[in-house]
C-alpha cells in the first residue's frame, strides 16, 4: 500500500512552458492528502524558490526535500541538515577567482545569489522560469552555510570544480549547470531521512521524476514513475512511464495505480 509520494518539481509537477502547477494537479494532490497519503516535494530547488515563485499554488505538502536532499523540513522544523563542506567551498572560491568568466549560483536556506552576471546566467534563468538572483560577493560562500553550489559550466569545464571538491557529489541538470552538494546520493539521502522521520518503508513509497538528479530517488522507492518527457535513463529505471507534465502525467499515473478514483467522463 502506498503511504507517501515524492514529487520532483521542474518538468514533473510544473511545466517549463506554463511555470505553475495546473489546477487539476493541485486538486489531485489535495485529494491524495484527504485519502491519507502523505505528499512530499523532492527537488533541487531551494526553500526560498518555492516561496518566491508561487509555482506550487496553495498546496501545503507534508514535507519538503529540497536542494537535492540536503535540507529537509516540515511544519515542525528541519529534520535533515547537510551543508557543503567549508573546505570544498574554499576550493571552489579559488576556482572562481582564477576564472572570472565563470558564474555560479549559491543556495543557502533562505538566501540564493549569483557570484556574477553573464550571458550564461541569462540563458539558465530563462530555462528556470525564475527571477534572477541578486549578485553577492563570492566570499560569502565560506562565511555562511551553503546547501548547494551550482557552477554554470559545460561538460568540458566541470572538472575545474569537481576535481577540487572531494567532499561533494554532483549531477548535471542543464548543459550549462551542475548541482554540487555534500557527498552522498542526493535526493535518495533526503528520502531516507524522510522515511525514518515518518516511519515509512520503501515499498510504501512512490516517486515521480524526469531528470538525472531523480535517478537515486527513483531507485530507492517502491514504485518509480517517469514523466513522458523524462531523460531516457530515467524512463529505463522506472516501473511506469506516464504522460508529460503538460498532458497531466501525474494525474494519469495516480489513476493507473488506483490511488485516486477514475475521472468521470
C-alpha atoms as a PDB file:
ATOM      1  CA  UNK A   1       0.000   0.000   0.000  1.00  0.00           C
ATOM      2  CA  UNK A   2       1.323   3.437  -0.941  1.00  0.00           C
ATOM      3  CA  UNK A   3       1.523   5.718   2.098  1.00  0.00           C
ATOM      4  CA  UNK A   4       3.735   8.504   0.719  1.00  0.00           C
ATOM      5  CA  UNK A   5       4.618  10.033  -2.653  1.00  0.00           C
ATOM      6  CA  UNK A   6       7.635  12.186  -3.556  1.00  0.00           C
ATOM      7  CA  UNK A   7       7.336  14.683  -6.411  1.00  0.00           C
ATOM      8  CA  UNK A   8      10.064  16.435  -8.346  1.00  0.00           C
ATOM      9  CA  UNK A   9       9.044  19.954  -9.417  1.00  0.00           C
ATOM     10  CA  UNK A  10      10.515  21.149 -12.722  1.00  0.00           C
ATOM     11  CA  UNK A  11       9.357  19.033 -15.636  1.00  0.00           C
ATOM     12  CA  UNK A  12       7.276  16.900 -13.281  1.00  0.00           C
ATOM     13  CA  UNK A  13       4.776  18.955 -11.279  1.00  0.00           C
ATOM     14  CA  UNK A  14       5.479  22.215 -13.081  1.00  0.00           C
ATOM     15  CA  UNK A  15       5.875  22.687 -16.814  1.00  0.00           C
ATOM     16  CA  UNK A  16       8.769  24.756 -18.125  1.00  0.00           C
ATOM     17  CA  UNK A  17       6.209  26.216 -20.507  1.00  0.00           C
ATOM     18  CA  UNK A  18       3.410  27.094 -18.045  1.00  0.00           C
ATOM     19  CA  UNK A  19       5.604  27.818 -14.985  1.00  0.00           C
ATOM     20  CA  UNK A  20       2.943  26.875 -12.423  1.00  0.00           C
ATOM     21  CA  UNK A  21       1.207  23.724 -11.243  1.00  0.00           C
ATOM     22  CA  UNK A  22      -2.027  23.049 -13.114  1.00  0.00           C
ATOM     23  CA  UNK A  23      -5.349  23.431 -11.260  1.00  0.00           C
ATOM     24  CA  UNK A  24      -6.073  19.745 -11.937  1.00  0.00           C
ATOM     25  CA  UNK A  25      -2.855  18.582 -10.300  1.00  0.00           C
ATOM     26  CA  UNK A  26      -3.466  20.917  -7.375  1.00  0.00           C
ATOM     27  CA  UNK A  27      -6.863  19.286  -6.783  1.00  0.00           C
ATOM     28  CA  UNK A  28      -5.453  15.768  -7.161  1.00  0.00           C
ATOM     29  CA  UNK A  29      -2.671  16.414  -4.633  1.00  0.00           C
ATOM     30  CA  UNK A  30      -5.186  17.633  -2.109  1.00  0.00           C
ATOM     31  CA  UNK A  31      -7.329  14.566  -2.828  1.00  0.00           C
ATOM     32  CA  UNK A  32      -4.334  12.347  -2.033  1.00  0.00           C
ATOM     33  CA  UNK A  33      -3.973  14.020   1.349  1.00  0.00           C
ATOM     34  CA  UNK A  34      -7.669  13.595   2.037  1.00  0.00           C
ATOM     35  CA  UNK A  35      -7.201   9.896   1.268  1.00  0.00           C
ATOM     36  CA  UNK A  36      -4.485   9.722   3.930  1.00  0.00           C
ATOM     37  CA  UNK A  37      -1.462   9.650   1.594  1.00  0.00           C
ATOM     38  CA  UNK A  38       1.488  11.853   2.548  1.00  0.00           C
ATOM     39  CA  UNK A  39       2.867  14.085  -0.211  1.00  0.00           C
ATOM     40  CA  UNK A  40       6.408  15.459  -0.366  1.00  0.00           C
ATOM     41  CA  UNK A  41       8.267  17.864  -2.606  1.00  0.00           C
ATOM     42  CA  UNK A  42      11.597  16.349  -3.681  1.00  0.00           C
ATOM     43  CA  UNK A  43      13.500  18.932  -5.691  1.00  0.00           C
ATOM     44  CA  UNK A  44      16.821  20.540  -6.467  1.00  0.00           C
ATOM     45  CA  UNK A  45      15.115  23.841  -5.719  1.00  0.00           C
ATOM     46  CA  UNK A  46      15.869  25.743  -2.515  1.00  0.00           C
ATOM     47  CA  UNK A  47      13.106  26.541   0.003  1.00  0.00           C
ATOM     48  CA  UNK A  48      13.144  30.218  -0.968  1.00  0.00           C
ATOM     49  CA  UNK A  49      12.390  29.340  -4.615  1.00  0.00           C
ATOM     50  CA  UNK A  50       9.193  27.583  -3.591  1.00  0.00           C
ATOM     51  CA  UNK A  51       8.004  30.672  -1.755  1.00  0.00           C
ATOM     52  CA  UNK A  52       9.071  33.326  -4.262  1.00  0.00           C
ATOM     53  CA  UNK A  53       7.738  31.701  -7.446  1.00  0.00           C
ATOM     54  CA  UNK A  54       4.314  30.577  -6.250  1.00  0.00           C
ATOM     55  CA  UNK A  55       4.690  27.639  -8.654  1.00  0.00           C
ATOM     56  CA  UNK A  56       3.091  25.175  -6.219  1.00  0.00           C
ATOM     57  CA  UNK A  57      -0.043  27.287  -5.731  1.00  0.00           C
ATOM     58  CA  UNK A  58      -1.609  26.848  -2.278  1.00  0.00           C
ATOM     59  CA  UNK A  59      -0.728  23.177  -1.756  1.00  0.00           C
ATOM     60  CA  UNK A  60       0.721  22.587   1.712  1.00  0.00           C
ATOM     61  CA  UNK A  61       2.891  19.487   1.343  1.00  0.00           C
ATOM     62  CA  UNK A  62       3.506  17.233   4.329  1.00  0.00           C
ATOM     63  CA  UNK A  63       7.247  17.780   3.933  1.00  0.00           C
ATOM     64  CA  UNK A  64       9.878  19.254   1.671  1.00  0.00           C
ATOM     65  CA  UNK A  65      13.049  17.515   0.475  1.00  0.00           C
ATOM     66  CA  UNK A  66      14.914  20.489  -1.005  1.00  0.00           C
ATOM     67  CA  UNK A  67      18.305  21.304  -2.563  1.00  0.00           C
ATOM     68  CA  UNK A  68      18.601  17.695  -3.728  1.00  0.00           C
ATOM     69  CA  UNK A  69      18.009  16.182  -0.302  1.00  0.00           C
ATOM     70  CA  UNK A  70      20.320  18.376   1.739  1.00  0.00           C
ATOM     71  CA  UNK A  71      17.696  20.397   3.623  1.00  0.00           C
ATOM     72  CA  UNK A  72      14.518  18.539   4.584  1.00  0.00           C
ATOM     73  CA  UNK A  73      11.763  20.068   6.668  1.00  0.00           C
ATOM     74  CA  UNK A  74       8.092  20.073   7.553  1.00  0.00           C
ATOM     75  CA  UNK A  75       5.782  22.344   9.543  1.00  0.00           C
ATOM     76  CA  UNK A  76       7.571  21.358  12.748  1.00  0.00           C
ATOM     77  CA  UNK A  77      11.067  22.221  11.513  1.00  0.00           C
ATOM     78  CA  UNK A  78      14.176  20.872   9.776  1.00  0.00           C
ATOM     79  CA  UNK A  79      14.868  17.144  10.097  1.00  0.00           C
ATOM     80  CA  UNK A  80      17.881  16.860   7.749  1.00  0.00           C
ATOM     81  CA  UNK A  81      20.608  19.489   7.575  1.00  0.00           C
ATOM     82  CA  UNK A  82      23.625  18.618   5.416  1.00  0.00           C
ATOM     83  CA  UNK A  83      25.592  21.597   4.045  1.00  0.00           C
ATOM     84  CA  UNK A  84      28.531  21.551   1.628  1.00  0.00           C
ATOM     85  CA  UNK A  85      31.883  21.142   3.460  1.00  0.00           C
ATOM     86  CA  UNK A  86      33.549  24.503   4.077  1.00  0.00           C
ATOM     87  CA  UNK A  87      36.909  23.336   2.682  1.00  0.00           C
ATOM     88  CA  UNK A  88      35.269  22.387  -0.626  1.00  0.00           C
ATOM     89  CA  UNK A  89      33.631  25.790  -0.838  1.00  0.00           C
ATOM     90  CA  UNK A  90      37.003  27.431  -0.231  1.00  0.00           C
ATOM     91  CA  UNK A  91      38.447  25.454  -3.148  1.00  0.00           C
ATOM     92  CA  UNK A  92      35.500  26.462  -5.359  1.00  0.00           C
ATOM     93  CA  UNK A  93      36.020  30.093  -4.369  1.00  0.00           C
ATOM     94  CA  UNK A  94      39.612  29.891  -5.566  1.00  0.00           C
ATOM     95  CA  UNK A  95      38.493  28.449  -8.916  1.00  0.00           C
ATOM     96  CA  UNK A  96      36.038  31.305  -9.376  1.00  0.00           C
ATOM     97  CA  UNK A  97      38.802  33.763  -8.563  1.00  0.00           C
ATOM     98  CA  UNK A  98      41.029  32.233 -11.240  1.00  0.00           C
ATOM     99  CA  UNK A  99      38.233  32.132 -13.843  1.00  0.00           C
ATOM    100  CA  UNK A 100      36.404  35.428 -13.676  1.00  0.00           C
ATOM    101  CA  UNK A 101      34.370  34.499 -16.764  1.00  0.00           C
ATOM    102  CA  UNK A 102      32.537  31.792 -14.786  1.00  0.00           C
ATOM    103  CA  UNK A 103      29.427  32.402 -12.686  1.00  0.00           C
ATOM    104  CA  UNK A 104      27.814  30.250 -10.021  1.00  0.00           C
ATOM    105  CA  UNK A 105      24.511  30.084  -8.186  1.00  0.00           C
ATOM    106  CA  UNK A 106      24.804  29.610  -4.435  1.00  0.00           C
ATOM    107  CA  UNK A 107      21.918  28.382  -2.288  1.00  0.00           C
ATOM    108  CA  UNK A 108      21.666  28.754   1.442  1.00  0.00           C
ATOM    109  CA  UNK A 109      18.460  28.158   3.409  1.00  0.00           C
ATOM    110  CA  UNK A 110      16.659  31.438   2.834  1.00  0.00           C
ATOM    111  CA  UNK A 111      19.168  33.154   0.545  1.00  0.00           C
ATOM    112  CA  UNK A 112      20.106  32.443  -3.069  1.00  0.00           C
ATOM    113  CA  UNK A 113      22.562  34.540  -5.035  1.00  0.00           C
ATOM    114  CA  UNK A 114      24.855  34.739  -8.045  1.00  0.00           C
ATOM    115  CA  UNK A 115      28.586  35.276  -7.862  1.00  0.00           C
ATOM    116  CA  UNK A 116      28.417  37.451 -11.018  1.00  0.00           C
ATOM    117  CA  UNK A 117      26.250  38.084 -14.055  1.00  0.00           C
ATOM    118  CA  UNK A 118      26.962  36.983 -17.623  1.00  0.00           C
ATOM    119  CA  UNK A 119      25.240  35.612 -20.736  1.00  0.00           C
ATOM    120  CA  UNK A 120      25.098  32.107 -19.302  1.00  0.00           C
ATOM    121  CA  UNK A 121      23.161  33.410 -16.332  1.00  0.00           C
ATOM    122  CA  UNK A 122      20.537  34.857 -18.671  1.00  0.00           C
ATOM    123  CA  UNK A 123      20.268  31.568 -20.572  1.00  0.00           C
ATOM    124  CA  UNK A 124      19.941  29.425 -17.458  1.00  0.00           C
ATOM    125  CA  UNK A 125      17.375  31.635 -15.739  1.00  0.00           C
ATOM    126  CA  UNK A 126      15.249  31.743 -18.877  1.00  0.00           C
ATOM    127  CA  UNK A 127      15.183  27.942 -18.633  1.00  0.00           C
ATOM    128  CA  UNK A 128      14.431  28.027 -14.891  1.00  0.00           C
ATOM    129  CA  UNK A 129      11.479  30.415 -15.292  1.00  0.00           C
ATOM    130  CA  UNK A 130      12.694  32.122 -12.120  1.00  0.00           C
ATOM    131  CA  UNK A 131      13.593  35.746 -11.436  1.00  0.00           C
ATOM    132  CA  UNK A 132      17.378  36.150 -11.424  1.00  0.00           C
ATOM    133  CA  UNK A 133      19.028  36.036  -8.030  1.00  0.00           C
ATOM    134  CA  UNK A 134      20.949  39.102  -6.831  1.00  0.00           C
ATOM    135  CA  UNK A 135      24.727  39.241  -7.265  1.00  0.00           C
ATOM    136  CA  UNK A 136      26.660  38.958  -3.995  1.00  0.00           C
ATOM    137  CA  UNK A 137      30.388  38.602  -3.251  1.00  0.00           C
ATOM    138  CA  UNK A 138      31.582  35.028  -3.790  1.00  0.00           C
ATOM    139  CA  UNK A 139      33.435  35.294  -0.473  1.00  0.00           C
ATOM    140  CA  UNK A 140      30.052  34.858   1.227  1.00  0.00           C
ATOM    141  CA  UNK A 141      30.214  31.142   0.339  1.00  0.00           C
ATOM    142  CA  UNK A 142      32.773  30.416   3.031  1.00  0.00           C
ATOM    143  CA  UNK A 143      31.083  32.611   5.633  1.00  0.00           C
ATOM    144  CA  UNK A 144      27.597  31.041   5.602  1.00  0.00           C
ATOM    145  CA  UNK A 145      26.036  27.586   5.482  1.00  0.00           C
ATOM    146  CA  UNK A 146      25.630  26.541   1.821  1.00  0.00           C
ATOM    147  CA  UNK A 147      23.467  23.582   0.792  1.00  0.00           C
ATOM    148  CA  UNK A 148      24.053  23.686  -2.939  1.00  0.00           C
ATOM    149  CA  UNK A 149      26.727  25.220  -5.149  1.00  0.00           C
ATOM    150  CA  UNK A 150      25.835  25.461  -8.848  1.00  0.00           C
ATOM    151  CA  UNK A 151      28.632  26.472 -11.220  1.00  0.00           C
ATOM    152  CA  UNK A 152      27.375  27.380 -14.682  1.00  0.00           C
ATOM    153  CA  UNK A 153      29.804  25.221 -16.625  1.00  0.00           C
ATOM    154  CA  UNK A 154      29.630  22.970 -19.665  1.00  0.00           C
ATOM    155  CA  UNK A 155      30.785  19.355 -19.748  1.00  0.00           C
ATOM    156  CA  UNK A 156      34.367  20.306 -20.631  1.00  0.00           C
ATOM    157  CA  UNK A 157      34.618  22.841 -17.787  1.00  0.00           C
ATOM    158  CA  UNK A 158      33.008  20.911 -14.952  1.00  0.00           C
ATOM    159  CA  UNK A 159      36.318  19.286 -13.931  1.00  0.00           C
ATOM    160  CA  UNK A 160      37.518  22.689 -12.696  1.00  0.00           C
ATOM    161  CA  UNK A 161      35.191  22.328  -9.713  1.00  0.00           C
ATOM    162  CA  UNK A 162      34.633  18.582  -9.440  1.00  0.00           C
ATOM    163  CA  UNK A 163      38.383  17.901  -9.177  1.00  0.00           C
ATOM    164  CA  UNK A 164      38.836  20.222  -6.177  1.00  0.00           C
ATOM    165  CA  UNK A 165      35.671  19.357  -4.229  1.00  0.00           C
ATOM    166  CA  UNK A 166      36.280  15.771  -2.991  1.00  0.00           C
ATOM    167  CA  UNK A 167      33.696  16.055  -0.229  1.00  0.00           C
ATOM    168  CA  UNK A 168      30.911  16.574  -2.757  1.00  0.00           C
ATOM    169  CA  UNK A 169      28.771  14.798  -5.331  1.00  0.00           C
ATOM    170  CA  UNK A 170      27.346  16.381  -8.448  1.00  0.00           C
ATOM    171  CA  UNK A 171      24.633  15.874 -11.062  1.00  0.00           C
ATOM    172  CA  UNK A 172      24.055  17.752 -14.295  1.00  0.00           C
ATOM    173  CA  UNK A 173      20.622  19.291 -14.823  1.00  0.00           C
ATOM    174  CA  UNK A 174      21.354  21.653 -17.745  1.00  0.00           C
ATOM    175  CA  UNK A 175      24.029  21.833 -20.490  1.00  0.00           C
ATOM    176  CA  UNK A 176      25.413  24.797 -18.529  1.00  0.00           C
ATOM    177  CA  UNK A 177      24.729  23.744 -14.966  1.00  0.00           C
ATOM    178  CA  UNK A 178      25.680  21.144 -12.353  1.00  0.00           C
ATOM    179  CA  UNK A 179      24.330  20.788  -8.815  1.00  0.00           C
ATOM    180  CA  UNK A 180      27.147  20.283  -6.303  1.00  0.00           C
ATOM    181  CA  UNK A 181      26.121  19.056  -2.844  1.00  0.00           C
ATOM    182  CA  UNK A 182      27.730  17.280   0.102  1.00  0.00           C
ATOM    183  CA  UNK A 183      28.891  13.778  -0.876  1.00  0.00           C
ATOM    184  CA  UNK A 184      26.125  11.225  -0.945  1.00  0.00           C
ATOM    185  CA  UNK A 185      23.214  10.064  -3.056  1.00  0.00           C
ATOM    186  CA  UNK A 186      21.386  13.361  -3.390  1.00  0.00           C
ATOM    187  CA  UNK A 187      17.625  13.081  -3.281  1.00  0.00           C
ATOM    188  CA  UNK A 188      17.817   9.479  -2.045  1.00  0.00           C
ATOM    189  CA  UNK A 189      19.513  10.666   1.162  1.00  0.00           C
ATOM    190  CA  UNK A 190      16.694  13.129   1.743  1.00  0.00           C
ATOM    191  CA  UNK A 191      14.086  10.439   1.131  1.00  0.00           C
ATOM    192  CA  UNK A 192      15.832   8.083   3.564  1.00  0.00           C
ATOM    193  CA  UNK A 193      15.722  10.797   6.211  1.00  0.00           C
ATOM    194  CA  UNK A 194      12.033  11.336   5.454  1.00  0.00           C
ATOM    195  CA  UNK A 195      11.276   7.615   5.650  1.00  0.00           C
ATOM    196  CA  UNK A 196      12.992   7.417   9.024  1.00  0.00           C
ATOM    197  CA  UNK A 197      11.213  10.525  10.299  1.00  0.00           C
ATOM    198  CA  UNK A 198       7.770   9.292   9.268  1.00  0.00           C
ATOM    199  CA  UNK A 199       8.286   5.554   9.809  1.00  0.00           C
ATOM    200  CA  UNK A 200       7.922   4.650   6.128  1.00  0.00           C
ATOM    201  CA  UNK A 201       9.169   1.544   4.317  1.00  0.00           C
ATOM    202  CA  UNK A 202      10.479   1.767   0.733  1.00  0.00           C
ATOM    203  CA  UNK A 203       7.660  -0.427  -0.560  1.00  0.00           C
ATOM    204  CA  UNK A 204       5.164   2.095   0.856  1.00  0.00           C
ATOM    205  CA  UNK A 205       6.556   4.934  -1.252  1.00  0.00           C
ATOM    206  CA  UNK A 206       6.213   6.222  -4.804  1.00  0.00           C
ATOM    207  CA  UNK A 207       8.121   8.946  -6.654  1.00  0.00           C
ATOM    208  CA  UNK A 208       7.725  10.982  -9.839  1.00  0.00           C
ATOM    209  CA  UNK A 209      10.688  12.452 -11.724  1.00  0.00           C
ATOM    210  CA  UNK A 210      12.155  13.353 -15.077  1.00  0.00           C
ATOM    211  CA  UNK A 211      15.845  14.290 -14.786  1.00  0.00           C
ATOM    212  CA  UNK A 212      19.290  12.958 -13.911  1.00  0.00           C
ATOM    213  CA  UNK A 213      19.049  14.163 -10.321  1.00  0.00           C
ATOM    214  CA  UNK A 214      15.929  11.976  -9.898  1.00  0.00           C
ATOM    215  CA  UNK A 215      17.722   8.701 -10.591  1.00  0.00           C
ATOM    216  CA  UNK A 216      18.734   7.939  -6.989  1.00  0.00           C
ATOM    217  CA  UNK A 217      15.239   8.854  -5.798  1.00  0.00           C
ATOM    218  CA  UNK A 218      13.528   6.544  -8.278  1.00  0.00           C
ATOM    219  CA  UNK A 219      15.933   3.697  -7.483  1.00  0.00           C
ATOM    220  CA  UNK A 220      15.063   3.882  -3.776  1.00  0.00           C
ATOM    221  CA  UNK A 221      11.263   3.995  -3.718  1.00  0.00           C
ATOM    222  CA  UNK A 222       8.916   1.068  -4.157  1.00  0.00           C
ATOM    223  CA  UNK A 223       7.168   2.484  -7.217  1.00  0.00           C
ATOM    224  CA  UNK A 224       9.071   4.742  -9.623  1.00  0.00           C
ATOM    225  CA  UNK A 225       7.222   6.807 -12.233  1.00  0.00           C
ATOM    226  CA  UNK A 226       8.950   8.655 -15.077  1.00  0.00           C
ATOM    227  CA  UNK A 227       7.309  11.573 -16.832  1.00  0.00           C
ATOM    228  CA  UNK A 228       6.677  11.355 -20.563  1.00  0.00           C
ATOM    229  CA  UNK A 229       9.330  13.990 -21.245  1.00  0.00           C
ATOM    230  CA  UNK A 230      11.904  12.362 -18.970  1.00  0.00           C
ATOM    231  CA  UNK A 231      15.536  11.618 -19.751  1.00  0.00           C
ATOM    232  CA  UNK A 232      15.831   8.143 -21.326  1.00  0.00           C
ATOM    233  CA  UNK A 233      17.875   6.915 -18.347  1.00  0.00           C
ATOM    234  CA  UNK A 234      15.025   7.918 -16.057  1.00  0.00           C
ATOM    235  CA  UNK A 235      12.482   6.074 -18.184  1.00  0.00           C
ATOM    236  CA  UNK A 236      14.703   2.986 -18.180  1.00  0.00           C
ATOM    237  CA  UNK A 237      14.736   2.760 -14.369  1.00  0.00           C
ATOM    238  CA  UNK A 238      11.023   3.470 -13.880  1.00  0.00           C
ATOM    239  CA  UNK A 239       8.274   0.964 -13.201  1.00  0.00           C
ATOM    240  CA  UNK A 240       5.860   3.075 -15.227  1.00  0.00           C
ATOM    241  CA  UNK A 241       6.211   5.866 -17.792  1.00  0.00           C
ATOM    242  CA  UNK A 242       3.328   8.309 -17.793  1.00  0.00           C
ATOM    243  CA  UNK A 243       2.441  11.295 -19.991  1.00  0.00           C
ATOM    244  CA  UNK A 244       4.237  14.649 -19.940  1.00  0.00           C
ATOM    245  CA  UNK A 245       3.548  17.312 -17.340  1.00  0.00           C
ATOM    246  CA  UNK A 246       1.585  19.313 -19.947  1.00  0.00           C
ATOM    247  CA  UNK A 247      -0.570  16.213 -20.543  1.00  0.00           C
ATOM    248  CA  UNK A 248      -1.282  15.809 -16.792  1.00  0.00           C
ATOM    249  CA  UNK A 249       1.041  12.824 -16.484  1.00  0.00           C
ATOM    250  CA  UNK A 250       0.927  12.708 -12.686  1.00  0.00           C
ATOM    251  CA  UNK A 251      -2.868  12.614 -12.631  1.00  0.00           C
ATOM    252  CA  UNK A 252      -2.869   9.817 -15.200  1.00  0.00           C
ATOM    253  CA  UNK A 253      -0.404   7.724 -13.177  1.00  0.00           C
ATOM    254  CA  UNK A 254      -2.243   8.225  -9.896  1.00  0.00           C
ATOM    255  CA  UNK A 255      -5.324   6.703 -11.508  1.00  0.00           C
ATOM    256  CA  UNK A 256      -3.313   3.982 -13.248  1.00  0.00           C
ATOM    257  CA  UNK A 257      -2.222   2.822  -9.789  1.00  0.00           C
ATOM    258  CA  UNK A 258      -5.758   3.289  -8.380  1.00  0.00           C
ATOM    259  CA  UNK A 259      -4.632   5.888  -5.851  1.00  0.00           C
ATOM    260  CA  UNK A 260      -7.462   8.171  -6.937  1.00  0.00           C
ATOM    261  CA  UNK A 261     -10.884   7.241  -8.348  1.00  0.00           C
ATOM    262  CA  UNK A 262     -11.343   7.214 -12.124  1.00  0.00           C
ATOM    263  CA  UNK A 263     -12.337  10.503 -13.668  1.00  0.00           C
ATOM    264  CA  UNK A 264     -15.938  10.992 -14.682  1.00  0.00           C
ATOM    265  CA  UNK A 265     -16.491  11.254 -18.407  1.00  0.00           C
END
